[in-house]
PDB file of N, CA and C in Angstrom:
ATOM      1  N   MET A   1      52.664 -13.363  -3.125  1.00  0.00           N
ATOM      2  CA  MET A   1      51.725 -14.433  -3.220  1.00  0.00           C
ATOM      3  C   MET A   1      50.574 -14.016  -4.123  1.00  0.00           C
ATOM      4  N   GLN A   2      50.225 -14.895  -5.026  1.00  0.00           N
ATOM      5  CA  GLN A   2      49.172 -14.583  -5.984  1.00  0.00           C
ATOM      6  C   GLN A   2      47.905 -15.325  -5.569  1.00  0.00           C
ATOM      7  N   GLN A   3      46.783 -14.615  -5.600  1.00  0.00           N
ATOM      8  CA  GLN A   3      45.520 -15.239  -5.205  1.00  0.00           C
ATOM      9  C   GLN A   3      44.759 -15.692  -6.448  1.00  0.00           C
ATOM     10  N   ASN A   4      44.164 -16.860  -6.352  1.00  0.00           N
ATOM     11  CA  ASN A   4      43.336 -17.369  -7.455  1.00  0.00           C
ATOM     12  C   ASN A   4      41.933 -16.794  -7.340  1.00  0.00           C
ATOM     13  N   PRO A   5      41.365 -16.372  -8.464  1.00  0.00           N
ATOM     14  CA  PRO A   5      39.982 -15.861  -8.383  1.00  0.00           C
ATOM     15  C   PRO A   5      39.022 -17.000  -8.037  1.00  0.00           C
ATOM     16  N   THR A   6      38.014 -16.680  -7.315  1.00  0.00           N
ATOM     17  CA  THR A   6      37.025 -17.692  -6.936  1.00  0.00           C
ATOM     18  C   THR A   6      35.739 -17.460  -7.718  1.00  0.00           C
ATOM     19  N   THR A   7      35.037 -18.524  -7.953  1.00  0.00           N
ATOM     20  CA  THR A   7      33.768 -18.441  -8.670  1.00  0.00           C
ATOM     21  C   THR A   7      32.648 -18.382  -7.656  1.00  0.00           C
ATOM     22  N   SER A   8      31.777 -17.443  -7.856  1.00  0.00           N
ATOM     23  CA  SER A   8      30.657 -17.300  -6.942  1.00  0.00           C
ATOM     24  C   SER A   8      29.608 -18.361  -7.272  1.00  0.00           C
ATOM     25  N   THR A   9      29.105 -19.001  -6.268  1.00  0.00           N
ATOM     26  CA  THR A   9      28.055 -20.001  -6.474  1.00  0.00           C
ATOM     27  C   THR A   9      26.677 -19.427  -6.240  1.00  0.00           C
ATOM     28  N   SER A  10      26.606 -18.200  -5.761  1.00  0.00           N
ATOM     29  CA  SER A  10      25.301 -17.614  -5.482  1.00  0.00           C
ATOM     30  C   SER A  10      24.765 -16.815  -6.660  1.00  0.00           C
ATOM     31  N   ALA A  11      25.625 -16.486  -7.611  1.00  0.00           N
ATOM     32  CA  ALA A  11      25.170 -15.675  -8.744  1.00  0.00           C
ATOM     33  C   ALA A  11      24.505 -16.575  -9.783  1.00  0.00           C
ATOM     34  N   THR A  12      23.429 -16.089 -10.365  1.00  0.00           N
ATOM     35  CA  THR A  12      22.730 -16.818 -11.424  1.00  0.00           C
ATOM     36  C   THR A  12      23.219 -16.289 -12.755  1.00  0.00           C
ATOM     37  N   PRO A  13      23.641 -17.155 -13.669  1.00  0.00           N
ATOM     38  CA  PRO A  13      24.115 -16.657 -14.959  1.00  0.00           C
ATOM     39  C   PRO A  13      22.976 -16.017 -15.748  1.00  0.00           C
ATOM     40  N   ALA A  14      23.331 -15.040 -16.559  1.00  0.00           N
ATOM     41  CA  ALA A  14      22.324 -14.361 -17.380  1.00  0.00           C
ATOM     42  C   ALA A  14      21.787 -15.346 -18.411  1.00  0.00           C
ATOM     43  N   SER A  15      20.484 -15.319 -18.631  1.00  0.00           N
ATOM     44  CA  SER A  15      19.888 -16.241 -19.597  1.00  0.00           C
ATOM     45  C   SER A  15      20.001 -15.663 -21.000  1.00  0.00           C
ATOM     46  N   ASP A  16      20.054 -16.546 -21.959  1.00  0.00           N
ATOM     47  CA  ASP A  16      20.141 -16.152 -23.368  1.00  0.00           C
ATOM     48  C   ASP A  16      18.737 -15.762 -23.825  1.00  0.00           C
ATOM     49  N   PRO A  17      18.531 -14.495 -24.244  1.00  0.00           N
ATOM     50  CA  PRO A  17      17.166 -14.081 -24.619  1.00  0.00           C
ATOM     51  C   PRO A  17      16.645 -14.805 -25.856  1.00  0.00           C
ATOM     52  N   THR A  18      17.529 -15.394 -26.662  1.00  0.00           N
ATOM     53  CA  THR A  18      17.043 -16.109 -27.849  1.00  0.00           C
ATOM     54  C   THR A  18      16.586 -17.517 -27.506  1.00  0.00           C
ATOM     55  N   ARG A  19      16.874 -17.974 -26.296  1.00  0.00           N
ATOM     56  CA  ARG A  19      16.504 -19.337 -25.918  1.00  0.00           C
ATOM     57  C   ARG A  19      15.458 -19.379 -24.809  1.00  0.00           C
ATOM     58  N   THR A  20      15.037 -18.252 -24.351  1.00  0.00           N
ATOM     59  CA  THR A  20      14.051 -18.260 -23.280  1.00  0.00           C
ATOM     60  C   THR A  20      12.654 -18.282 -23.876  1.00  0.00           C
ATOM     61  N   THR A  21      11.752 -18.904 -23.177  1.00  0.00           N
ATOM     62  CA  THR A  21      10.358 -18.935 -23.609  1.00  0.00           C
ATOM     63  C   THR A  21       9.519 -18.271 -22.548  1.00  0.00           C
ATOM     64  N   THR A  22       8.546 -17.554 -23.011  1.00  0.00           N
ATOM     65  CA  THR A  22       7.633 -16.901 -22.096  1.00  0.00           C
ATOM     66  C   THR A  22       6.335 -17.695 -22.116  1.00  0.00           C
ATOM     67  N   PRO A  23       5.958 -18.310 -21.029  1.00  0.00           N
ATOM     68  CA  PRO A  23       4.706 -19.081 -21.046  1.00  0.00           C
ATOM     69  C   PRO A  23       3.516 -18.145 -21.221  1.00  0.00           C
ATOM     70  N   THR A  24       2.611 -18.572 -22.050  1.00  0.00           N
ATOM     71  CA  THR A  24       1.411 -17.768 -22.288  1.00  0.00           C
ATOM     72  C   THR A  24       0.195 -18.613 -21.959  1.00  0.00           C
ATOM     73  N   ASN A  25      -0.833 -17.963 -21.574  1.00  0.00           N
ATOM     74  CA  ASN A  25      -2.104 -18.619 -21.279  1.00  0.00           C
ATOM     75  C   ASN A  25      -3.176 -18.101 -22.225  1.00  0.00           C
ATOM     76  N   GLU A  26      -2.776 -17.817 -23.463  1.00  0.00           N
ATOM     77  CA  GLU A  26      -3.731 -17.262 -24.411  1.00  0.00           C
ATOM     78  C   GLU A  26      -4.694 -18.344 -24.873  1.00  0.00           C
ATOM     79  N   ASN A  27      -5.932 -17.980 -24.965  1.00  0.00           N
ATOM     80  CA  ASN A  27      -6.968 -18.880 -25.451  1.00  0.00           C
ATOM     81  C   ASN A  27      -7.539 -18.244 -26.707  1.00  0.00           C
ATOM     82  N   HIS A  28      -7.339 -18.894 -27.840  1.00  0.00           N
ATOM     83  CA  HIS A  28      -7.797 -18.325 -29.104  1.00  0.00           C
ATOM     84  C   HIS A  28      -9.201 -18.787 -29.479  1.00  0.00           C
ATOM     85  N   PHE A  29      -9.868 -19.498 -28.612  1.00  0.00           N
ATOM     86  CA  PHE A  29     -11.223 -19.938 -28.892  1.00  0.00           C
ATOM     87  C   PHE A  29     -12.205 -18.910 -28.342  1.00  0.00           C
ATOM     88  N   ILE A  30     -13.257 -18.676 -29.098  1.00  0.00           N
ATOM     89  CA  ILE A  30     -14.262 -17.705 -28.677  1.00  0.00           C
ATOM     90  C   ILE A  30     -15.476 -18.487 -28.196  1.00  0.00           C
ATOM     91  N   ASP A  31     -15.932 -18.183 -27.027  1.00  0.00           N
ATOM     92  CA  ASP A  31     -17.078 -18.891 -26.459  1.00  0.00           C
ATOM     93  C   ASP A  31     -18.370 -18.251 -26.935  1.00  0.00           C
ATOM     94  N   THR A  32     -18.726 -18.525 -28.173  1.00  0.00           N
ATOM     95  CA  THR A  32     -19.978 -18.029 -28.730  1.00  0.00           C
ATOM     96  C   THR A  32     -20.693 -19.198 -29.392  1.00  0.00           C
ATOM     97  N   PRO A  33     -21.996 -19.127 -29.507  1.00  0.00           N
ATOM     98  CA  PRO A  33     -22.719 -20.210 -30.183  1.00  0.00           C
ATOM     99  C   PRO A  33     -22.421 -20.198 -31.681  1.00  0.00           C
ATOM    100  N   PRO A  34     -22.589 -21.317 -32.361  1.00  0.00           N
ATOM    101  CA  PRO A  34     -22.344 -21.353 -33.803  1.00  0.00           C
ATOM    102  C   PRO A  34     -23.351 -20.476 -34.536  1.00  0.00           C
ATOM    103  N   PRO A  35     -23.015 -20.030 -35.743  1.00  0.00           N
ATOM    104  CA  PRO A  35     -23.948 -19.177 -36.486  1.00  0.00           C
ATOM    105  C   PRO A  35     -25.206 -19.955 -36.868  1.00  0.00           C
ATOM    106  N   THR A  36     -26.274 -19.232 -37.010  1.00  0.00           N
ATOM    107  CA  THR A  36     -27.535 -19.858 -37.413  1.00  0.00           C
ATOM    108  C   THR A  36     -27.899 -19.392 -38.810  1.00  0.00           C
ATOM    109  N   ILE A  37     -28.609 -20.254 -39.536  1.00  0.00           N
ATOM    110  CA  ILE A  37     -29.052 -19.915 -40.892  1.00  0.00           C
ATOM    111  C   ILE A  37     -30.371 -19.171 -40.769  1.00  0.00           C
ATOM    112  N   THR A  38     -30.407 -17.987 -41.330  1.00  0.00           N
ATOM    113  CA  THR A  38     -31.626 -17.183 -41.247  1.00  0.00           C
ATOM    114  C   THR A  38     -32.389 -17.177 -42.557  1.00  0.00           C
ATOM    115  N   ASP A  39     -31.797 -17.738 -43.634  1.00  0.00           N
ATOM    116  CA  ASP A  39     -32.493 -17.773 -44.918  1.00  0.00           C
ATOM    117  C   ASP A  39     -33.537 -18.887 -44.907  1.00  0.00           C
ATOM    118  N   THR A  40     -34.567 -18.707 -45.738  1.00  0.00           N
ATOM    119  CA  THR A  40     -35.574 -19.743 -45.898  1.00  0.00           C
ATOM    120  C   THR A  40     -35.109 -20.704 -46.976  1.00  0.00           C
ATOM    121  N   ILE A  41     -35.067 -21.977 -46.658  1.00  0.00           N
ATOM    122  CA  ILE A  41     -34.632 -22.987 -47.617  1.00  0.00           C
ATOM    123  C   ILE A  41     -35.872 -23.696 -48.140  1.00  0.00           C
ATOM    124  N   PHE A  42     -36.077 -23.595 -49.455  1.00  0.00           N
ATOM    125  CA  PHE A  42     -37.233 -24.206 -50.089  1.00  0.00           C
ATOM    126  C   PHE A  42     -36.864 -25.571 -50.650  1.00  0.00           C
ATOM    127  N   PRO A  43     -37.800 -26.516 -50.670  1.00  0.00           N
ATOM    128  CA  PRO A  43     -37.510 -27.816 -51.274  1.00  0.00           C
ATOM    129  C   PRO A  43     -37.401 -27.665 -52.791  1.00  0.00           C
ATOM    130  N   PRO A  44     -36.735 -28.599 -53.466  1.00  0.00           N
ATOM    131  CA  PRO A  44     -36.610 -28.493 -54.922  1.00  0.00           C
ATOM    132  C   PRO A  44     -37.970 -28.652 -55.593  1.00  0.00           C
ATOM    133  N   THR A  45     -38.092 -28.026 -56.737  1.00  0.00           N
ATOM    134  CA  THR A  45     -39.351 -28.122 -57.483  1.00  0.00           C
ATOM    135  C   THR A  45     -39.478 -29.520 -58.071  1.00  0.00           C
ATOM    136  N   PRO A  46     -40.687 -30.050 -58.187  1.00  0.00           N
ATOM    137  CA  PRO A  46     -40.856 -31.388 -58.749  1.00  0.00           C
ATOM    138  C   PRO A  46     -40.472 -31.404 -60.227  1.00  0.00           C
ATOM    139  N   LEU A  47     -39.913 -32.530 -60.657  1.00  0.00           N
ATOM    140  CA  LEU A  47     -39.505 -32.664 -62.048  1.00  0.00           C
ATOM    141  C   LEU A  47     -40.707 -32.994 -62.921  1.00  0.00           C
ATOM    142  N   THR A  48     -40.669 -32.516 -64.146  1.00  0.00           N
ATOM    143  CA  THR A  48     -41.714 -32.829 -65.113  1.00  0.00           C
ATOM    144  C   THR A  48     -41.445 -34.222 -65.661  1.00  0.00           C
ATOM    145  N   PRO A  49     -42.447 -35.085 -65.703  1.00  0.00           N
ATOM    146  CA  PRO A  49     -42.204 -36.425 -66.225  1.00  0.00           C
ATOM    147  C   PRO A  49     -41.853 -36.384 -67.708  1.00  0.00           C
ATOM    148  N   ILE A  50     -41.002 -37.315 -68.109  1.00  0.00           N
ATOM    149  CA  ILE A  50     -40.597 -37.407 -69.509  1.00  0.00           C
ATOM    150  C   ILE A  50     -41.594 -38.305 -70.224  1.00  0.00           C
ATOM    151  N   THR A  51     -42.165 -37.781 -71.285  1.00  0.00           N
ATOM    152  CA  THR A  51     -43.126 -38.572 -72.059  1.00  0.00           C
ATOM    153  C   THR A  51     -42.606 -38.736 -73.470  1.00  0.00           C
ATOM    154  N   ALA A  52     -42.869 -39.909 -74.048  1.00  0.00           N
ATOM    155  CA  ALA A  52     -42.432 -40.184 -75.417  1.00  0.00           C
ATOM    156  C   ALA A  52     -43.408 -39.551 -76.391  1.00  0.00           C
ATOM    157  N   LYS A  53     -42.862 -38.899 -77.409  1.00  0.00           N
ATOM    158  CA  LYS A  53     -43.723 -38.273 -78.409  1.00  0.00           C
ATOM    159  C   LYS A  53     -43.883 -39.173 -79.625  1.00  0.00           C
ATOM    160  N   ASN A  54     -42.813 -39.888 -80.008  1.00  0.00           N
ATOM    161  CA  ASN A  54     -42.869 -40.767 -81.164  1.00  0.00           C
ATOM    162  C   ASN A  54     -42.408 -42.138 -80.685  1.00  0.00           C
ATOM    163  N   LYS A  55     -43.320 -43.092 -80.644  1.00  0.00           N
ATOM    164  CA  LYS A  55     -43.000 -44.395 -80.083  1.00  0.00           C
ATOM    165  C   LYS A  55     -42.385 -45.342 -81.100  1.00  0.00           C
ATOM    166  N   THR A  56     -42.353 -44.980 -82.360  1.00  0.00           N
ATOM    167  CA  THR A  56     -41.754 -45.845 -83.374  1.00  0.00           C
ATOM    168  C   THR A  56     -40.494 -45.187 -83.897  1.00  0.00           C
ATOM    169  N   CYS A  57     -39.501 -46.000 -84.176  1.00  0.00           N
ATOM    170  CA  CYS A  57     -38.251 -45.489 -84.711  1.00  0.00           C
ATOM    171  C   CYS A  57     -38.258 -45.680 -86.217  1.00  0.00           C
ATOM    172  N   PRO A  58     -37.801 -44.698 -86.961  1.00  0.00           N
ATOM    173  CA  PRO A  58     -37.786 -44.853 -88.418  1.00  0.00           C
ATOM    174  C   PRO A  58     -36.744 -45.891 -88.828  1.00  0.00           C
ATOM    175  N   THR A  59     -37.030 -46.603 -89.900  1.00  0.00           N
ATOM    176  CA  THR A  59     -36.099 -47.588 -90.432  1.00  0.00           C
ATOM    177  C   THR A  59     -35.076 -46.861 -91.287  1.00  0.00           C
ATOM    178  N   PRO A  60     -33.779 -47.139 -91.094  1.00  0.00           N
ATOM    179  CA  PRO A  60     -32.788 -46.455 -91.929  1.00  0.00           C
ATOM    180  C   PRO A  60     -32.934 -46.882 -93.389  1.00  0.00           C
ATOM    181  N   THR A  61     -32.749 -45.925 -94.272  1.00  0.00           N
ATOM    182  CA  THR A  61     -32.899 -46.211 -95.700  1.00  0.00           C
ATOM    183  C   THR A  61     -31.579 -46.595 -96.333  1.00  0.00           C
ATOM    184  N   ALA A  62     -30.474 -46.157 -95.793  1.00  0.00           N
ATOM    185  CA  ALA A  62     -29.173 -46.490 -96.368  1.00  0.00           C
ATOM    186  C   ALA A  62     -28.195 -46.736 -95.226  1.00  0.00           C
ATOM    187  N   SER A  63     -27.271 -47.633 -95.448  1.00  0.00           N
ATOM    188  CA  SER A  63     -26.257 -47.882 -94.432  1.00  0.00           C
ATOM    189  C   SER A  63     -24.981 -47.163 -94.824  1.00  0.00           C
ATOM    190  N   ALA A  64     -24.201 -46.832 -93.863  1.00  0.00           N
ATOM    191  CA  ALA A  64     -22.949 -46.130 -94.124  1.00  0.00           C
ATOM    192  C   ALA A  64     -21.869 -47.154 -94.436  1.00  0.00           C
ATOM    193  N   ALA A  65     -21.151 -46.921 -95.504  1.00  0.00           N
ATOM    194  CA  ALA A  65     -20.049 -47.802 -95.885  1.00  0.00           C
ATOM    195  C   ALA A  65     -18.825 -47.453 -95.051  1.00  0.00           C
ATOM    196  N   PRO A  66     -17.946 -48.439 -94.802  1.00  0.00           N
ATOM    197  CA  PRO A  66     -16.736 -48.126 -94.029  1.00  0.00           C
ATOM    198  C   PRO A  66     -15.878 -47.053 -94.676  1.00  0.00           C
ATOM    199  N   SER A  67     -15.934 -46.933 -95.986  1.00  0.00           N
ATOM    200  CA  SER A  67     -15.115 -45.915 -96.646  1.00  0.00           C
ATOM    201  C   SER A  67     -15.610 -44.506 -96.338  1.00  0.00           C
ATOM    202  N   ASP A  68     -16.844 -44.387 -95.844  1.00  0.00           N
ATOM    203  CA  ASP A  68     -17.358 -43.069 -95.471  1.00  0.00           C
ATOM    204  C   ASP A  68     -16.699 -42.561 -94.181  1.00  0.00           C
ATOM    205  N   TYR A  69     -16.095 -43.454 -93.430  1.00  0.00           N
ATOM    206  CA  TYR A  69     -15.484 -43.088 -92.155  1.00  0.00           C
ATOM    207  C   TYR A  69     -14.071 -43.675 -92.076  1.00  0.00           C
ATOM    208  N   PRO A  70     -13.123 -43.148 -92.865  1.00  0.00           N
ATOM    209  CA  PRO A  70     -11.781 -43.745 -92.864  1.00  0.00           C
ATOM    210  C   PRO A  70     -11.056 -43.590 -91.527  1.00  0.00           C
ATOM    211  N   HIS A  71     -11.403 -42.580 -90.752  1.00  0.00           N
ATOM    212  CA  HIS A  71     -10.732 -42.391 -89.470  1.00  0.00           C
ATOM    213  C   HIS A  71     -11.128 -43.461 -88.451  1.00  0.00           C
ATOM    214  N   LEU A  72     -12.195 -44.229 -88.727  1.00  0.00           N
ATOM    215  CA  LEU A  72     -12.606 -45.281 -87.818  1.00  0.00           C
ATOM    216  C   LEU A  72     -12.070 -46.649 -88.220  1.00  0.00           C
ATOM    217  N   LEU A  73     -11.450 -46.750 -89.397  1.00  0.00           N
ATOM    218  CA  LEU A  73     -10.898 -48.019 -89.853  1.00  0.00           C
ATOM    219  C   LEU A  73      -9.653 -48.359 -89.044  1.00  0.00           C
ATOM    220  N   PRO A  74      -9.364 -49.658 -88.864  1.00  0.00           N
ATOM    221  CA  PRO A  74      -8.146 -50.008 -88.123  1.00  0.00           C
ATOM    222  C   PRO A  74      -6.913 -49.542 -88.868  1.00  0.00           C
ATOM    223  N   SER A  75      -5.961 -49.028 -88.144  1.00  0.00           N
ATOM    224  CA  SER A  75      -4.745 -48.523 -88.764  1.00  0.00           C
ATOM    225  C   SER A  75      -3.689 -49.620 -88.785  1.00  0.00           C
ATOM    226  N   THR A  76      -2.621 -49.363 -89.521  1.00  0.00           N
ATOM    227  CA  THR A  76      -1.512 -50.305 -89.594  1.00  0.00           C
ATOM    228  C   THR A  76      -0.765 -50.266 -88.267  1.00  0.00           C
ATOM    229  N   PRO A  77      -0.466 -51.428 -87.689  1.00  0.00           N
ATOM    230  CA  PRO A  77       0.231 -51.404 -86.396  1.00  0.00           C
ATOM    231  C   PRO A  77       1.642 -50.859 -86.555  1.00  0.00           C
ATOM    232  N   PRO A  78       2.193 -50.269 -85.522  1.00  0.00           N
ATOM    233  CA  PRO A  78       3.550 -49.720 -85.608  1.00  0.00           C
ATOM    234  C   PRO A  78       4.564 -50.861 -85.725  1.00  0.00           C
ATOM    235  N   PRO A  79       5.731 -50.569 -86.276  1.00  0.00           N
ATOM    236  CA  PRO A  79       6.739 -51.625 -86.402  1.00  0.00           C
ATOM    237  C   PRO A  79       7.246 -52.036 -85.023  1.00  0.00           C
ATOM    238  N   PRO A  80       7.750 -53.256 -84.898  1.00  0.00           N
ATOM    239  CA  PRO A  80       8.248 -53.698 -83.594  1.00  0.00           C
ATOM    240  C   PRO A  80       9.513 -52.932 -83.218  1.00  0.00           C
ATOM    241  N   PRO A  81       9.814 -52.832 -81.943  1.00  0.00           N
ATOM    242  CA  PRO A  81      11.026 -52.120 -81.523  1.00  0.00           C
ATOM    243  C   PRO A  81      12.262 -52.907 -81.942  1.00  0.00           C
ATOM    244  N   PRO A  82      13.399 -52.228 -82.086  1.00  0.00           N
ATOM    245  CA  PRO A  82      14.618 -52.937 -82.486  1.00  0.00           C
ATOM    246  C   PRO A  82      15.031 -53.938 -81.405  1.00  0.00           C
ATOM    247  N   ALA A  83      15.739 -54.951 -81.833  1.00  0.00           N
ATOM    248  CA  ALA A  83      16.171 -55.994 -80.909  1.00  0.00           C
ATOM    249  C   ALA A  83      17.176 -55.431 -79.911  1.00  0.00           C
ATOM    250  N   VAL A  84      17.149 -55.945 -78.712  1.00  0.00           N
ATOM    251  CA  VAL A  84      18.071 -55.514 -77.664  1.00  0.00           C
ATOM    252  C   VAL A  84      19.337 -56.350 -77.792  1.00  0.00           C
ATOM    253  N   PRO A  85      20.513 -55.705 -77.847  1.00  0.00           N
ATOM    254  CA  PRO A  85      21.741 -56.493 -77.972  1.00  0.00           C
ATOM    255  C   PRO A  85      21.997 -57.322 -76.715  1.00  0.00           C
ATOM    256  N   ALA A  86      22.696 -58.401 -76.885  1.00  0.00           N
ATOM    257  CA  ALA A  86      23.009 -59.282 -75.764  1.00  0.00           C
ATOM    258  C   ALA A  86      23.968 -58.580 -74.809  1.00  0.00           C
ATOM    259  N   ILE A  87      23.986 -59.016 -73.573  1.00  0.00           N
ATOM    260  CA  ILE A  87      24.870 -58.425 -72.568  1.00  0.00           C
ATOM    261  C   ILE A  87      26.321 -58.680 -72.969  1.00  0.00           C
ATOM    262  N   GLY A  88      27.128 -57.637 -72.918  1.00  0.00           N
ATOM    263  CA  GLY A  88      28.539 -57.755 -73.240  1.00  0.00           C
ATOM    264  C   GLY A  88      28.851 -57.463 -74.692  1.00  0.00           C
ATOM    265  N   THR A  89      27.836 -57.178 -75.501  1.00  0.00           N
ATOM    266  CA  THR A  89      28.094 -56.836 -76.905  1.00  0.00           C
ATOM    267  C   THR A  89      27.910 -55.352 -77.090  1.00  0.00           C
ATOM    268  N   ARG A  90      28.500 -54.841 -78.166  1.00  0.00           N
ATOM    269  CA  ARG A  90      28.372 -53.417 -78.476  1.00  0.00           C
ATOM    270  C   ARG A  90      27.499 -53.259 -79.702  1.00  0.00           C
ATOM    271  N   TYR A  91      27.018 -52.052 -79.883  1.00  0.00           N
ATOM    272  CA  TYR A  91      26.184 -51.754 -81.046  1.00  0.00           C
ATOM    273  C   TYR A  91      27.005 -51.731 -82.300  1.00  0.00           C
TER     274      TYR A  91
END
């Protein structure tokens, strides 16, 4: 007669060490007052008022011609893009 092995119900299976968590009660906050500023902070110095030295503007004696500034002249517009072929046609 052959006996069947029985499974024990009182044994606890071994836990997987890669899946177990260890609860921690670590507190990473430090119970100290916030730092205080020990330097003396001075207010900004007052600004010197701006005064006009020459209240009249000189009259220009000559005007600049557009040819003196060719880089500011309007340029030729670029050519239009090529037409898009209709759907179903080839180039």
